[in-house]
Amino acid sequence: MGDIADFANDLVQESLDQALAARNAAKSPFVNHSFLLCEACDDPIPEARRIAQQGCTLCIDCKNLDDLRRARYAR
């Protein structure tokens, strides 16, 4: 017999499942292909980054610099 904690866990899990389903439904059906070489410095983009961040065009170092620049000018 379930108690209140089990019921609460079930509700939370259902909410998470619904949120993930909505997120997956909102994704673009088109696959963005990542560049093999960074468009800023022409260094190779690591395969793990290309898989994790589909559609990436910058290597990790250039992306970090780009993020810092954007954060500085966003103020």
PDB file of N, CA and C in Angstrom:
ATOM      1  N   MET A   1       0.849  -1.177   0.000  1.00  0.00           N
ATOM      2  CA  MET A   1       0.000   0.000   0.000  1.00  0.00           C
ATOM      3  C   MET A   1       0.898   1.245   0.000  1.00  0.00           C
ATOM      4  N   GLY A   2       0.612   2.161  -0.930  1.00  0.00           N
ATOM      5  CA  GLY A   2       1.423   3.356  -1.047  1.00  0.00           C
ATOM      6  C   GLY A   2       1.077   4.399  -0.012  1.00  0.00           C
ATOM      7  N   ASP A   3       2.063   5.184   0.325  1.00  0.00           N
ATOM      8  CA  ASP A   3       1.819   6.270   1.277  1.00  0.00           C
ATOM      9  C   ASP A   3       1.892   7.608   0.542  1.00  0.00           C
ATOM     10  N   ILE A   4       1.855   8.669   1.281  1.00  0.00           N
ATOM     11  CA  ILE A   4       1.831  10.008   0.692  1.00  0.00           C
ATOM     12  C   ILE A   4       3.114  10.293  -0.089  1.00  0.00           C
ATOM     13  N   ALA A   5       4.248   9.831   0.408  1.00  0.00           N
ATOM     14  CA  ALA A   5       5.518  10.070  -0.281  1.00  0.00           C
ATOM     15  C   ALA A   5       5.529   9.373  -1.641  1.00  0.00           C
ATOM     16  N   ASP A   6       5.005   8.166  -1.720  1.00  0.00           N
ATOM     17  CA  ASP A   6       4.933   7.467  -3.001  1.00  0.00           C
ATOM     18  C   ASP A   6       4.045   8.221  -3.981  1.00  0.00           C
ATOM     19  N   PHE A   7       2.915   8.705  -3.481  1.00  0.00           N
ATOM     20  CA  PHE A   7       1.996   9.467  -4.320  1.00  0.00           C
ATOM     21  C   PHE A   7       2.671  10.748  -4.826  1.00  0.00           C
ATOM     22  N   ALA A   8       3.392  11.423  -3.963  1.00  0.00           N
ATOM     23  CA  ALA A   8       4.100  12.647  -4.352  1.00  0.00           C
ATOM     24  C   ALA A   8       5.166  12.338  -5.398  1.00  0.00           C
ATOM     25  N   ASN A   9       5.910  11.258  -5.217  1.00  0.00           N
ATOM     26  CA  ASN A   9       6.923  10.859  -6.193  1.00  0.00           C
ATOM     27  C   ASN A   9       6.292  10.562  -7.549  1.00  0.00           C
ATOM     28  N   ASP A  10       5.156   9.906  -7.540  1.00  0.00           N
ATOM     29  CA  ASP A  10       4.461   9.600  -8.792  1.00  0.00           C
ATOM     30  C   ASP A  10       4.037  10.886  -9.505  1.00  0.00           C
ATOM     31  N   LEU A  11       3.540  11.865  -8.747  1.00  0.00           N
ATOM     32  CA  LEU A  11       3.137  13.142  -9.338  1.00  0.00           C
ATOM     33  C   LEU A  11       4.324  13.885  -9.936  1.00  0.00           C
ATOM     34  N   VAL A  12       5.433  13.876  -9.214  1.00  0.00           N
ATOM     35  CA  VAL A  12       6.637  14.557  -9.709  1.00  0.00           C
ATOM     36  C   VAL A  12       7.130  13.872 -10.976  1.00  0.00           C
ATOM     37  N   GLN A  13       7.143  12.543 -10.979  1.00  0.00           N
ATOM     38  CA  GLN A  13       7.606  11.815 -12.157  1.00  0.00           C
ATOM     39  C   GLN A  13       6.707  12.086 -13.360  1.00  0.00           C
ATOM     40  N   GLU A  14       5.402  12.138 -13.125  1.00  0.00           N
ATOM     41  CA  GLU A  14       4.470  12.435 -14.208  1.00  0.00           C
ATOM     42  C   GLU A  14       4.705  13.835 -14.764  1.00  0.00           C
ATOM     43  N   SER A  15       4.967  14.797 -13.895  1.00  0.00           N
ATOM     44  CA  SER A  15       5.254  16.165 -14.342  1.00  0.00           C
ATOM     45  C   SER A  15       6.538  16.217 -15.162  1.00  0.00           C
ATOM     46  N   LEU A  16       7.549  15.495 -14.712  1.00  0.00           N
ATOM     47  CA  LEU A  16       8.812  15.449 -15.460  1.00  0.00           C
ATOM     48  C   LEU A  16       8.615  14.812 -16.830  1.00  0.00           C
ATOM     49  N   ASP A  17       7.868  13.728 -16.874  1.00  0.00           N
ATOM     50  CA  ASP A  17       7.608  13.058 -18.145  1.00  0.00           C
ATOM     51  C   ASP A  17       6.877  13.979 -19.116  1.00  0.00           C
ATOM     52  N   GLN A  18       5.905  14.726 -18.610  1.00  0.00           N
ATOM     53  CA  GLN A  18       5.163  15.655 -19.461  1.00  0.00           C
ATOM     54  C   GLN A  18       6.062  16.784 -19.961  1.00  0.00           C
ATOM     55  N   ALA A  19       6.921  17.289 -19.092  1.00  0.00           N
ATOM     56  CA  ALA A  19       7.826  18.370 -19.485  1.00  0.00           C
ATOM     57  C   ALA A  19       8.812  17.890 -20.548  1.00  0.00           C
ATOM     58  N   LEU A  20       9.345  16.692 -20.387  1.00  0.00           N
ATOM     59  CA  LEU A  20      10.274  16.149 -21.382  1.00  0.00           C
ATOM     60  C   LEU A  20       9.570  15.887 -22.704  1.00  0.00           C
ATOM     61  N   ALA A  21       8.348  15.394 -22.645  1.00  0.00           N
ATOM     62  CA  ALA A  21       7.590  15.153 -23.870  1.00  0.00           C
ATOM     63  C   ALA A  21       7.332  16.469 -24.604  1.00  0.00           C
ATOM     64  N   ALA A  22       6.988  17.513 -23.869  1.00  0.00           N
ATOM     65  CA  ALA A  22       6.756  18.822 -24.484  1.00  0.00           C
ATOM     66  C   ALA A  22       8.042  19.373 -25.087  1.00  0.00           C
ATOM     67  N   ARG A  23       9.139  19.174 -24.399  1.00  0.00           N
ATOM     68  CA  ARG A  23      10.432  19.657 -24.903  1.00  0.00           C
ATOM     69  C   ARG A  23      10.812  18.928 -26.179  1.00  0.00           C
ATOM     70  N   ASN A  24      10.629  17.618 -26.197  1.00  0.00           N
ATOM     71  CA  ASN A  24      10.957  16.842 -27.394  1.00  0.00           C
ATOM     72  C   ASN A  24      10.036  17.190 -28.553  1.00  0.00           C
ATOM     73  N   ALA A  25       8.781  17.494 -28.271  1.00  0.00           N
ATOM     74  CA  ALA A  25       7.844  17.870 -29.323  1.00  0.00           C
ATOM     75  C   ALA A  25       8.198  19.230 -29.919  1.00  0.00           C
ATOM     76  N   ALA A  26       8.807  20.098 -29.124  1.00  0.00           N
ATOM     77  CA  ALA A  26       9.157  21.439 -29.587  1.00  0.00           C
ATOM     78  C   ALA A  26      10.455  21.470 -30.384  1.00  0.00           C
ATOM     79  N   LYS A  27      11.231  20.393 -30.342  1.00  0.00           N
ATOM     80  CA  LYS A  27      12.494  20.366 -31.070  1.00  0.00           C
ATOM     81  C   LYS A  27      12.246  20.385 -32.574  1.00  0.00           C
ATOM     82  N   SER A  28      13.159  20.990 -33.268  1.00  0.00           N
ATOM     83  CA  SER A  28      13.072  21.060 -34.714  1.00  0.00           C
ATOM     84  C   SER A  28      13.258  19.668 -35.317  1.00  0.00           C
ATOM     85  N   PRO A  29      12.467  19.324 -36.318  1.00  0.00           N
ATOM     86  CA  PRO A  29      12.639  18.017 -36.948  1.00  0.00           C
ATOM     87  C   PRO A  29      13.888  17.953 -37.821  1.00  0.00           C
ATOM     88  N   PHE A  30      14.484  19.109 -38.083  1.00  0.00           N
ATOM     89  CA  PHE A  30      15.674  19.151 -38.907  1.00  0.00           C
ATOM     90  C   PHE A  30      16.918  18.963 -38.049  1.00  0.00           C
ATOM     91  N   VAL A  31      17.843  18.172 -38.534  1.00  0.00           N
ATOM     92  CA  VAL A  31      19.078  17.921 -37.803  1.00  0.00           C
ATOM     93  C   VAL A  31      20.113  18.944 -38.245  1.00  0.00           C
ATOM     94  N   ASN A  32      20.671  19.645 -37.294  1.00  0.00           N
ATOM     95  CA  ASN A  32      21.739  20.601 -37.584  1.00  0.00           C
ATOM     96  C   ASN A  32      23.061  19.865 -37.565  1.00  0.00           C
ATOM     97  N   HIS A  33      23.803  19.963 -38.637  1.00  0.00           N
ATOM     98  CA  HIS A  33      25.093  19.294 -38.693  1.00  0.00           C
ATOM     99  C   HIS A  33      26.180  20.231 -38.190  1.00  0.00           C
ATOM    100  N   SER A  34      27.067  19.688 -37.394  1.00  0.00           N
ATOM    101  CA  SER A  34      28.164  20.466 -36.832  1.00  0.00           C
ATOM    102  C   SER A  34      29.306  20.569 -37.831  1.00  0.00           C
ATOM    103  N   PHE A  35      30.046  21.647 -37.711  1.00  0.00           N
ATOM    104  CA  PHE A  35      31.244  21.813 -38.527  1.00  0.00           C
ATOM    105  C   PHE A  35      32.343  20.898 -37.995  1.00  0.00           C
ATOM    106  N   LEU A  36      33.218  20.452 -38.871  1.00  0.00           N
ATOM    107  CA  LEU A  36      34.382  19.681 -38.441  1.00  0.00           C
ATOM    108  C   LEU A  36      35.488  20.599 -37.950  1.00  0.00           C
ATOM    109  N   LEU A  37      35.556  21.791 -38.545  1.00  0.00           N
ATOM    110  CA  LEU A  37      36.577  22.771 -38.173  1.00  0.00           C
ATOM    111  C   LEU A  37      35.909  24.030 -37.656  1.00  0.00           C
ATOM    112  N   CYS A  38      36.538  24.641 -36.680  1.00  0.00           N
ATOM    113  CA  CYS A  38      36.030  25.883 -36.093  1.00  0.00           C
ATOM    114  C   CYS A  38      36.042  26.988 -37.140  1.00  0.00           C
ATOM    115  N   GLU A  39      34.938  27.740 -37.233  1.00  0.00           N
ATOM    116  CA  GLU A  39      34.878  28.804 -38.226  1.00  0.00           C
ATOM    117  C   GLU A  39      35.708  30.020 -37.820  1.00  0.00           C
ATOM    118  N   ALA A  40      36.137  30.096 -36.561  1.00  0.00           N
ATOM    119  CA  ALA A  40      36.933  31.234 -36.109  1.00  0.00           C
ATOM    120  C   ALA A  40      38.434  30.976 -36.217  1.00  0.00           C
ATOM    121  N   CYS A  41      38.876  29.782 -35.839  1.00  0.00           N
ATOM    122  CA  CYS A  41      40.324  29.530 -35.793  1.00  0.00           C
ATOM    123  C   CYS A  41      40.773  28.355 -36.667  1.00  0.00           C
ATOM    124  N   ASP A  42      39.862  27.661 -37.295  1.00  0.00           N
ATOM    125  CA  ASP A  42      40.142  26.516 -38.174  1.00  0.00           C
ATOM    126  C   ASP A  42      40.747  25.308 -37.460  1.00  0.00           C
ATOM    127  N   ASP A  43      40.678  25.280 -36.129  1.00  0.00           N
ATOM    128  CA  ASP A  43      41.094  24.086 -35.398  1.00  0.00           C
ATOM    129  C   ASP A  43      39.965  23.063 -35.463  1.00  0.00           C
ATOM    130  N   PRO A  44      40.297  21.773 -35.360  1.00  0.00           N
ATOM    131  CA  PRO A  44      39.227  20.768 -35.376  1.00  0.00           C
ATOM    132  C   PRO A  44      38.335  20.877 -34.140  1.00  0.00           C
ATOM    133  N   ILE A  45      37.040  20.656 -34.344  1.00  0.00           N
ATOM    134  CA  ILE A  45      36.089  20.628 -33.240  1.00  0.00           C
ATOM    135  C   ILE A  45      36.017  19.187 -32.744  1.00  0.00           C
ATOM    136  N   PRO A  46      36.234  18.944 -31.454  1.00  0.00           N
ATOM    137  CA  PRO A  46      36.218  17.568 -30.939  1.00  0.00           C
ATOM    138  C   PRO A  46      34.884  16.865 -31.229  1.00  0.00           C
ATOM    139  N   GLU A  47      34.971  15.575 -31.527  1.00  0.00           N
ATOM    140  CA  GLU A  47      33.781  14.809 -31.877  1.00  0.00           C
ATOM    141  C   GLU A  47      32.748  14.828 -30.759  1.00  0.00           C
ATOM    142  N   ALA A  48      33.199  14.749 -29.515  1.00  0.00           N
ATOM    143  CA  ALA A  48      32.265  14.751 -28.392  1.00  0.00           C
ATOM    144  C   ALA A  48      31.446  16.041 -28.378  1.00  0.00           C
ATOM    145  N   ARG A  49      32.068  17.160 -28.691  1.00  0.00           N
ATOM    146  CA  ARG A  49      31.339  18.438 -28.739  1.00  0.00           C
ATOM    147  C   ARG A  49      30.362  18.449 -29.902  1.00  0.00           C
ATOM    148  N   ARG A  50      30.780  17.938 -31.063  1.00  0.00           N
ATOM    149  CA  ARG A  50      29.894  17.921 -32.222  1.00  0.00           C
ATOM    150  C   ARG A  50      28.660  17.066 -31.967  1.00  0.00           C
ATOM    151  N   ILE A  51      28.825  15.996 -31.202  1.00  0.00           N
ATOM    152  CA  ILE A  51      27.691  15.119 -30.889  1.00  0.00           C
ATOM    153  C   ILE A  51      26.803  15.761 -29.828  1.00  0.00           C
ATOM    154  N   ALA A  52      27.415  16.311 -28.800  1.00  0.00           N
ATOM    155  CA  ALA A  52      26.649  16.890 -27.683  1.00  0.00           C
ATOM    156  C   ALA A  52      25.925  18.166 -28.089  1.00  0.00           C
ATOM    157  N   GLN A  53      26.546  18.986 -28.920  1.00  0.00           N
ATOM    158  CA  GLN A  53      25.977  20.270 -29.319  1.00  0.00           C
ATOM    159  C   GLN A  53      25.809  20.279 -30.835  1.00  0.00           C
ATOM    160  N   GLN A  54      24.744  19.670 -31.310  1.00  0.00           N
ATOM    161  CA  GLN A  54      24.526  19.595 -32.746  1.00  0.00           C
ATOM    162  C   GLN A  54      24.382  20.985 -33.330  1.00  0.00           C
ATOM    163  N   GLY A  55      25.039  21.197 -34.458  1.00  0.00           N
ATOM    164  CA  GLY A  55      24.983  22.495 -35.119  1.00  0.00           C
ATOM    165  C   GLY A  55      26.059  23.458 -34.659  1.00  0.00           C
ATOM    166  N   CYS A  56      27.020  22.987 -33.862  1.00  0.00           N
ATOM    167  CA  CYS A  56      28.055  23.900 -33.378  1.00  0.00           C
ATOM    168  C   CYS A  56      28.991  24.289 -34.524  1.00  0.00           C
ATOM    169  N   THR A  57      29.486  25.505 -34.456  1.00  0.00           N
ATOM    170  CA  THR A  57      30.378  26.022 -35.484  1.00  0.00           C
ATOM    171  C   THR A  57      31.715  26.481 -34.907  1.00  0.00           C
ATOM    172  N   LEU A  58      31.811  26.517 -33.573  1.00  0.00           N
ATOM    173  CA  LEU A  58      33.022  26.981 -32.912  1.00  0.00           C
ATOM    174  C   LEU A  58      33.603  25.883 -32.024  1.00  0.00           C
ATOM    175  N   CYS A  59      34.940  25.860 -31.909  1.00  0.00           N
ATOM    176  CA  CYS A  59      35.577  24.935 -30.971  1.00  0.00           C
ATOM    177  C   CYS A  59      35.300  25.421 -29.546  1.00  0.00           C
ATOM    178  N   ILE A  60      35.691  24.653 -28.590  1.00  0.00           N
ATOM    179  CA  ILE A  60      35.390  24.973 -27.194  1.00  0.00           C
ATOM    180  C   ILE A  60      36.033  26.297 -26.778  1.00  0.00           C
ATOM    181  N   ASP A  61      37.290  26.483 -27.127  1.00  0.00           N
ATOM    182  CA  ASP A  61      37.989  27.715 -26.729  1.00  0.00           C
ATOM    183  C   ASP A  61      37.347  28.954 -27.356  1.00  0.00           C
ATOM    184  N   CYS A  62      37.046  28.878 -28.647  1.00  0.00           N
ATOM    185  CA  CYS A  62      36.436  30.028 -29.316  1.00  0.00           C
ATOM    186  C   CYS A  62      35.022  30.276 -28.798  1.00  0.00           C
ATOM    187  N   LYS A  63      34.294  29.230 -28.482  1.00  0.00           N
ATOM    188  CA  LYS A  63      32.947  29.392 -27.929  1.00  0.00           C
ATOM    189  C   LYS A  63      33.013  30.062 -26.562  1.00  0.00           C
ATOM    190  N   ASN A  64      33.978  29.658 -25.728  1.00  0.00           N
ATOM    191  CA  ASN A  64      34.141  30.299 -24.420  1.00  0.00           C
ATOM    192  C   ASN A  64      34.453  31.788 -24.571  1.00  0.00           C
ATOM    193  N   LEU A  65      35.331  32.128 -25.512  1.00  0.00           N
ATOM    194  CA  LEU A  65      35.649  33.536 -25.754  1.00  0.00           C
ATOM    195  C   LEU A  65      34.421  34.291 -26.260  1.00  0.00           C
ATOM    196  N   ASP A  66      33.661  33.658 -27.146  1.00  0.00           N
ATOM    197  CA  ASP A  66      32.451  34.278 -27.663  1.00  0.00           C
ATOM    198  C   ASP A  66      31.431  34.516 -26.551  1.00  0.00           C
ATOM    199  N   ASP A  67      31.282  33.534 -25.663  1.00  0.00           N
ATOM    200  CA  ASP A  67      30.358  33.689 -24.532  1.00  0.00           C
ATOM    201  C   ASP A  67      30.793  34.832 -23.617  1.00  0.00           C
ATOM    202  N   LEU A  68      32.104  34.936 -23.367  1.00  0.00           N
ATOM    203  CA  LEU A  68      32.608  36.026 -22.528  1.00  0.00           C
ATOM    204  C   LEU A  68      32.354  37.387 -23.166  1.00  0.00           C
ATOM    205  N   ARG A  69      32.577  37.476 -24.482  1.00  0.00           N
ATOM    206  CA  ARG A  69      32.325  38.736 -25.172  1.00  0.00           C
ATOM    207  C   ARG A  69      30.853  39.110 -25.109  1.00  0.00           C
ATOM    208  N   ARG A  70      29.981  38.138 -25.345  1.00  0.00           N
ATOM    209  CA  ARG A  70      28.542  38.405 -25.328  1.00  0.00           C
ATOM    210  C   ARG A  70      28.089  38.808 -23.925  1.00  0.00           C
ATOM    211  N   ALA A  71      28.632  38.166 -22.905  1.00  0.00           N
ATOM    212  CA  ALA A  71      28.263  38.498 -21.531  1.00  0.00           C
ATOM    213  C   ALA A  71      28.718  39.914 -21.182  1.00  0.00           C
ATOM    214  N   ARG A  72      29.864  40.292 -21.667  1.00  0.00           N
ATOM    215  CA  ARG A  72      30.390  41.629 -21.364  1.00  0.00           C
ATOM    216  C   ARG A  72      29.543  42.720 -22.016  1.00  0.00           C
ATOM    217  N   TYR A  73      29.109  42.472 -23.259  1.00  0.00           N
ATOM    218  CA  TYR A  73      28.345  43.494 -23.964  1.00  0.00           C
ATOM    219  C   TYR A  73      26.859  43.421 -23.685  1.00  0.00           C
ATOM    220  N   ALA A  74      26.432  42.406 -22.966  1.00  0.00           N
ATOM    221  CA  ALA A  74      25.003  42.274 -22.641  1.00  0.00           C
ATOM    222  C   ALA A  74      24.595  43.200 -21.503  1.00  0.00           C
ATOM    223  N   ARG A  75      25.544  43.728 -20.810  1.00  0.00           N
ATOM    224  CA  ARG A  75      25.243  44.588 -19.634  1.00  0.00           C
ATOM    225  C   ARG A  75      24.652  45.879 -20.019  1.00  0.00           C
TER     226      ARG A  75
END
